[in-house]
Protein backbone atom coordinates (compact mmCIF):
# COMPACT_ATOMS: atom_id res chain seq x y z
CA MET A 1 1.38 9.66 10.74
CA ALA A 2 3.65 10.62 7.86
CA ALA A 3 1.94 8.56 5.17
CA ASP A 4 -1.25 9.68 3.41
CA VAL A 5 -3.50 6.60 3.62
CA ASN A 6 -5.95 7.70 0.91
CA ALA A 7 -3.08 8.47 -1.45
CA ILE A 8 -1.57 5.02 -0.80
CA ILE A 9 -4.89 3.39 -1.69
CA ALA A 10 -5.05 5.44 -4.91
CA ALA A 11 -1.42 4.62 -5.77
CA LEU A 12 -2.20 0.92 -5.38
CA GLY A 13 -4.80 1.27 -8.11
CA GLY A 14 -7.74 2.14 -5.86
CA ALA A 15 -9.72 0.13 -3.33
CA GLY A 16 -11.10 -2.15 -6.04
CA ASN A 17 -7.59 -3.21 -7.05
CA ILE A 18 -6.58 -4.31 -3.55
CA ILE A 19 -7.35 -7.98 -2.89
CA GLU A 20 -5.58 -8.37 0.45
CA MET A 21 -3.23 -6.38 2.67
CA GLU A 22 -1.13 -7.56 5.57
CA PRO A 23 1.34 -5.50 7.61
CA CYS A 24 4.77 -7.02 8.12
CA ILE A 25 7.09 -5.03 10.44
CA THR A 26 7.89 -2.11 8.09
CA ARG A 27 5.92 -3.11 4.99
CA LEU A 28 2.43 -3.45 3.64
CA ARG A 29 2.30 -6.77 1.80
CA THR A 30 -0.45 -6.18 -0.72
CA GLU A 31 -1.99 -8.47 -3.31
CA VAL A 32 -3.49 -6.51 -6.19
CA ARG A 33 -5.69 -7.50 -9.12
CA ASP A 34 -3.72 -5.52 -11.73
CA ALA A 35 -0.07 -4.77 -10.93
CA SER A 36 0.13 -2.29 -13.82
CA LEU A 37 -2.10 0.10 -11.82
CA VAL A 38 0.44 0.38 -8.97
CA ASP A 39 2.23 3.75 -9.16
CA GLN A 40 5.58 3.77 -7.36
CA ALA A 41 6.12 7.54 -7.71
CA ALA A 42 2.67 8.21 -6.23
CA LEU A 43 3.39 5.80 -3.35
CA GLU A 44 6.59 7.66 -2.55
CA ALA A 45 4.78 11.00 -2.79
CA ALA A 46 2.25 9.60 -0.29
CA GLY A 47 5.02 8.91 2.23
CA ALA A 48 6.20 5.40 1.32
CA HIS A 49 9.95 4.78 1.37
CA GLY A 50 9.87 2.38 -1.56
CA LEU A 51 8.18 -0.47 -3.36
CA MET A 52 9.14 -4.06 -4.09
CA ALA A 53 6.86 -5.75 -6.57
CA ALA A 54 6.72 -9.26 -7.98
CA GLY A 55 3.75 -10.41 -10.01
CA ASN A 56 0.58 -9.26 -8.29
CA VAL A 57 2.27 -8.71 -4.91
CA ALA A 58 3.37 -5.21 -3.99
CA GLN A 59 5.33 -4.68 -0.79
CA VAL A 60 5.09 -1.02 0.15
CA VAL A 61 7.85 0.06 2.55
CA VAL A 62 6.28 2.48 5.04
CA GLY A 63 8.41 2.06 8.15
CA PRO A 64 7.33 1.18 11.69
CA GLU A 65 3.83 2.58 11.13
CA ALA A 66 2.90 -0.39 8.91
CA ASP A 67 0.41 -1.88 11.38
CA THR A 68 -1.36 1.44 11.89
CA ILE A 69 -1.47 2.26 8.18
CA ALA A 70 -2.80 -1.21 7.31
CA SER A 71 -5.50 -0.83 9.94
CA TYR A 72 -6.59 2.54 8.52
CA ILE A 73 -6.63 1.14 4.99
CA GLU A 74 -8.69 -1.88 6.08
CA ASP A 75 -11.17 0.49 7.76
CA ILE A 76 -11.49 2.52 4.56
CA ILE A 77 -11.75 -0.29 2.01
CA GLY A 78 -13.56 -2.77 4.22
C-alpha cells in the first residue's frame, strides 16, 4: 500500500478529529470535527493524491486502495 495510514490519520487532525469515514471508489469521505486541523500538504506527503474539502467534510483522494485504507483506519481509530 502506497499510503501511510497513520500519517493520514494525523493529517486529518488525529483520531479524535475524525467523526466518520466512508470509502467511495477512489476517495475517503471523511467528516471531521475541526476542518482547520486538516493538513493537505501532510496528506499528500502520506500518499494522498489530493484533497477536496467543504465545511467539515474532507474527501481525501487515495486511488483504488480507498476501501483498504478506510478499513485500516477504522481498525486503528475504532
